[in-house]
Amino acid sequence: MAHGYEGKALASGWLLLKSSAMSQAHIDVRYVANLARLDLTEAEVAVFQSQLVAILGHVESLSAIELPDDMTAMDGMRLGPMRDDQPHESLLPEAMLVNAPDQAQSQIRVPKVVADA
């Protein structure tokens, strides 16, 4: 068992993982909050602690479900019939830029989202 995980390889190529950490009773909420840069009160830590333990308990209960070896991750997510891809003409750049709020060099300009880039 490496990195606290044990796995079961499926015929579909998927690997089911079960973390030994899921059975731990304590989750370091302060550590996780620090990673997310959250400043939590003692009351919030207590609430989140119990919520995380409950969530991991539910996730751990899913590991008890026996799955066939050929089941893929998408088998439980069937959305109904999908249409076939049909190629068609692309939108002309001029038509694409008509409603763009800002543009430069035939491209849509968007606000910068990474502060240090």
C-alpha atoms as a PDB file:
ATOM      1  CA  MET A   1       0.000   0.000   0.000  1.00  0.00           C
ATOM      2  CA  ALA A   2       1.730   3.198  -1.212  1.00  0.00           C
ATOM      3  CA  HIS A   3       0.803   6.712  -0.090  1.00  0.00           C
ATOM      4  CA  GLY A   4      -2.052   5.414   2.089  1.00  0.00           C
ATOM      5  CA  TYR A   5      -4.088   4.094  -0.846  1.00  0.00           C
ATOM      6  CA  GLU A   6      -4.952   0.582  -1.890  1.00  0.00           C
ATOM      7  CA  GLY A   7      -6.381   0.000  -5.328  1.00  0.00           C
ATOM      8  CA  LYS A   8      -8.296  -2.493  -7.427  1.00  0.00           C
ATOM      9  CA  ALA A   9      -7.620  -2.497 -11.160  1.00  0.00           C
ATOM     10  CA  LEU A  10     -10.719  -2.969 -13.307  1.00  0.00           C
ATOM     11  CA  ALA A  11     -10.867  -4.596 -16.741  1.00  0.00           C
ATOM     12  CA  SER A  12     -11.936  -1.211 -18.148  1.00  0.00           C
ATOM     13  CA  GLY A  13      -8.556   0.251 -17.200  1.00  0.00           C
ATOM     14  CA  TRP A  14      -9.954   2.272 -14.282  1.00  0.00           C
ATOM     15  CA  LEU A  15      -8.421   1.955 -10.854  1.00  0.00           C
ATOM     16  CA  LEU A  16     -10.634   2.075  -7.784  1.00  0.00           C
ATOM     17  CA  LEU A  17      -8.809   3.663  -4.866  1.00  0.00           C
ATOM     18  CA  LYS A  18      -9.599   3.480  -1.205  1.00  0.00           C
ATOM     19  CA  SER A  19      -7.682   5.743   1.100  1.00  0.00           C
ATOM     20  CA  SER A  20      -6.697   4.483   4.513  1.00  0.00           C
ATOM     21  CA  ALA A  21      -6.978   8.137   5.584  1.00  0.00           C
ATOM     22  CA  MET A  22     -10.759   7.961   5.126  1.00  0.00           C
ATOM     23  CA  SER A  23     -11.063   5.839   8.242  1.00  0.00           C
ATOM     24  CA  GLN A  24      -9.221   8.365  10.397  1.00  0.00           C
ATOM     25  CA  ALA A  25     -11.370  10.008  13.033  1.00  0.00           C
ATOM     26  CA  HIS A  26      -9.563  13.372  12.960  1.00  0.00           C
ATOM     27  CA  ILE A  27      -9.151  15.809  10.094  1.00  0.00           C
ATOM     28  CA  ASP A  28      -6.913  18.824  10.621  1.00  0.00           C
ATOM     29  CA  VAL A  29      -9.445  21.513   9.737  1.00  0.00           C
ATOM     30  CA  ARG A  30      -7.054  24.312  10.672  1.00  0.00           C
ATOM     31  CA  TYR A  31      -4.434  22.977   8.229  1.00  0.00           C
ATOM     32  CA  VAL A  32      -6.967  22.763   5.398  1.00  0.00           C
ATOM     33  CA  ALA A  33      -8.299  26.241   6.242  1.00  0.00           C
ATOM     34  CA  ASN A  34      -4.751  27.597   6.174  1.00  0.00           C
ATOM     35  CA  LEU A  35      -4.211  26.090   2.710  1.00  0.00           C
ATOM     36  CA  ALA A  36      -7.383  27.846   1.565  1.00  0.00           C
ATOM     37  CA  ARG A  37      -6.286  31.030   3.353  1.00  0.00           C
ATOM     38  CA  LEU A  38      -9.331  31.029   5.587  1.00  0.00           C
ATOM     39  CA  ASP A  39      -9.308  32.467   9.093  1.00  0.00           C
ATOM     40  CA  LEU A  40     -11.733  30.329  11.087  1.00  0.00           C
ATOM     41  CA  THR A  41     -13.072  30.837  14.587  1.00  0.00           C
ATOM     42  CA  GLU A  42     -13.022  27.967  17.092  1.00  0.00           C
ATOM     43  CA  ALA A  43     -16.777  27.517  16.571  1.00  0.00           C
ATOM     44  CA  GLU A  44     -16.312  27.252  12.785  1.00  0.00           C
ATOM     45  CA  VAL A  45     -13.497  24.720  13.224  1.00  0.00           C
ATOM     46  CA  ALA A  46     -15.766  22.575  15.395  1.00  0.00           C
ATOM     47  CA  VAL A  47     -18.630  22.732  12.862  1.00  0.00           C
ATOM     48  CA  PHE A  48     -16.387  21.945   9.885  1.00  0.00           C
ATOM     49  CA  GLN A  49     -14.636  19.166  11.800  1.00  0.00           C
ATOM     50  CA  SER A  50     -17.890  17.300  12.405  1.00  0.00           C
ATOM     51  CA  GLN A  51     -19.113  17.959   8.844  1.00  0.00           C
ATOM     52  CA  LEU A  52     -15.904  16.601   7.281  1.00  0.00           C
ATOM     53  CA  VAL A  53     -15.992  13.479   9.444  1.00  0.00           C
ATOM     54  CA  ALA A  54     -19.618  12.888   8.366  1.00  0.00           C
ATOM     55  CA  ILE A  55     -18.776  13.419   4.674  1.00  0.00           C
ATOM     56  CA  LEU A  56     -15.838  11.013   4.800  1.00  0.00           C
ATOM     57  CA  GLY A  57     -18.044   8.494   6.581  1.00  0.00           C
ATOM     58  CA  HIS A  58     -20.503   8.624   3.686  1.00  0.00           C
ATOM     59  CA  VAL A  59     -17.674   8.308   1.143  1.00  0.00           C
ATOM     60  CA  GLU A  60     -16.243   5.343   3.041  1.00  0.00           C
ATOM     61  CA  SER A  61     -19.654   3.631   2.971  1.00  0.00           C
ATOM     62  CA  LEU A  62     -19.496   3.755  -0.844  1.00  0.00           C
ATOM     63  CA  SER A  63     -16.413   1.539  -0.780  1.00  0.00           C
ATOM     64  CA  ALA A  64     -18.595  -1.306   0.506  1.00  0.00           C
ATOM     65  CA  ILE A  65     -20.513  -1.404  -2.778  1.00  0.00           C
ATOM     66  CA  GLU A  66     -19.453  -4.331  -4.953  1.00  0.00           C
ATOM     67  CA  LEU A  67     -18.911  -3.307  -8.578  1.00  0.00           C
ATOM     68  CA  PRO A  68     -18.458  -5.614 -11.546  1.00  0.00           C
ATOM     69  CA  ASP A  69     -14.886  -5.698 -12.875  1.00  0.00           C
ATOM     70  CA  ASP A  70     -15.953  -4.290 -16.254  1.00  0.00           C
ATOM     71  CA  MET A  71     -17.846  -1.284 -14.871  1.00  0.00           C
ATOM     72  CA  THR A  72     -16.473   2.128 -15.850  1.00  0.00           C
ATOM     73  CA  ALA A  73     -16.814   5.399 -13.994  1.00  0.00           C
ATOM     74  CA  MET A  74     -19.380   6.626 -16.524  1.00  0.00           C
ATOM     75  CA  ASP A  75     -21.753   3.653 -16.195  1.00  0.00           C
ATOM     76  CA  GLY A  76     -23.713   5.416 -13.462  1.00  0.00           C
ATOM     77  CA  MET A  77     -23.928   8.641 -15.458  1.00  0.00           C
ATOM     78  CA  ARG A  78     -25.900   7.620 -18.521  1.00  0.00           C
ATOM     79  CA  LEU A  79     -27.548  10.740 -19.899  1.00  0.00           C
ATOM     80  CA  GLY A  80     -29.464   9.156 -22.746  1.00  0.00           C
ATOM     81  CA  PRO A  81     -28.700   8.922 -26.422  1.00  0.00           C
ATOM     82  CA  MET A  82     -26.101  11.329 -27.762  1.00  0.00           C
ATOM     83  CA  ARG A  83     -26.155  12.666 -31.307  1.00  0.00           C
ATOM     84  CA  ASP A  84     -23.300  11.973 -33.694  1.00  0.00           C
ATOM     85  CA  ASP A  85     -20.834  14.783 -34.280  1.00  0.00           C
ATOM     86  CA  GLN A  86     -21.549  16.515 -37.560  1.00  0.00           C
ATOM     87  CA  PRO A  87     -18.894  18.851 -38.963  1.00  0.00           C
ATOM     88  CA  HIS A  88     -20.052  22.262 -40.181  1.00  0.00           C
ATOM     89  CA  GLU A  89     -18.536  25.562 -41.198  1.00  0.00           C
ATOM     90  CA  SER A  90     -16.839  27.553 -38.464  1.00  0.00           C
ATOM     91  CA  LEU A  91     -17.999  31.003 -37.491  1.00  0.00           C
ATOM     92  CA  LEU A  92     -16.160  33.752 -39.356  1.00  0.00           C
ATOM     93  CA  PRO A  93     -13.835  35.829 -37.118  1.00  0.00           C
ATOM     94  CA  GLU A  94     -15.727  39.020 -37.971  1.00  0.00           C
ATOM     95  CA  ALA A  95     -19.032  37.475 -36.913  1.00  0.00           C
ATOM     96  CA  MET A  96     -17.471  36.159 -33.694  1.00  0.00           C
ATOM     97  CA  LEU A  97     -16.088  39.587 -32.765  1.00  0.00           C
ATOM     98  CA  VAL A  98     -19.324  41.518 -33.374  1.00  0.00           C
ATOM     99  CA  ASN A  99     -20.525  41.160 -29.771  1.00  0.00           C
ATOM    100  CA  ALA A 100     -17.129  40.969 -28.072  1.00  0.00           C
ATOM    101  CA  PRO A 101     -16.855  43.652 -25.362  1.00  0.00           C
ATOM    102  CA  ASP A 102     -13.161  44.187 -26.164  1.00  0.00           C
ATOM    103  CA  GLN A 103     -10.968  43.005 -29.015  1.00  0.00           C
ATOM    104  CA  ALA A 104      -7.473  43.394 -30.402  1.00  0.00           C
ATOM    105  CA  GLN A 105      -5.717  41.835 -33.409  1.00  0.00           C
ATOM    106  CA  SER A 106      -8.866  39.879 -34.387  1.00  0.00           C
ATOM    107  CA  GLN A 107      -9.050  38.249 -30.953  1.00  0.00           C
ATOM    108  CA  ILE A 108     -11.368  38.654 -27.980  1.00  0.00           C
ATOM    109  CA  ARG A 109      -9.608  40.400 -25.085  1.00  0.00           C
ATOM    110  CA  VAL A 110     -10.483  39.218 -21.597  1.00  0.00           C
ATOM    111  CA  PRO A 111      -9.519  40.616 -18.185  1.00  0.00           C
ATOM    112  CA  LYS A 112      -6.320  39.326 -16.638  1.00  0.00           C
ATOM    113  CA  VAL A 113      -7.111  36.681 -14.020  1.00  0.00           C
ATOM    114  CA  VAL A 114      -3.610  35.867 -12.738  1.00  0.00           C
ATOM    115  CA  ALA A 115      -2.186  38.770 -10.792  1.00  0.00           C
ATOM    116  CA  ASP A 116       1.511  37.907 -11.092  1.00  0.00           C
ATOM    117  CA  ALA A 117       1.623  36.737 -14.707  1.00  0.00           C
END
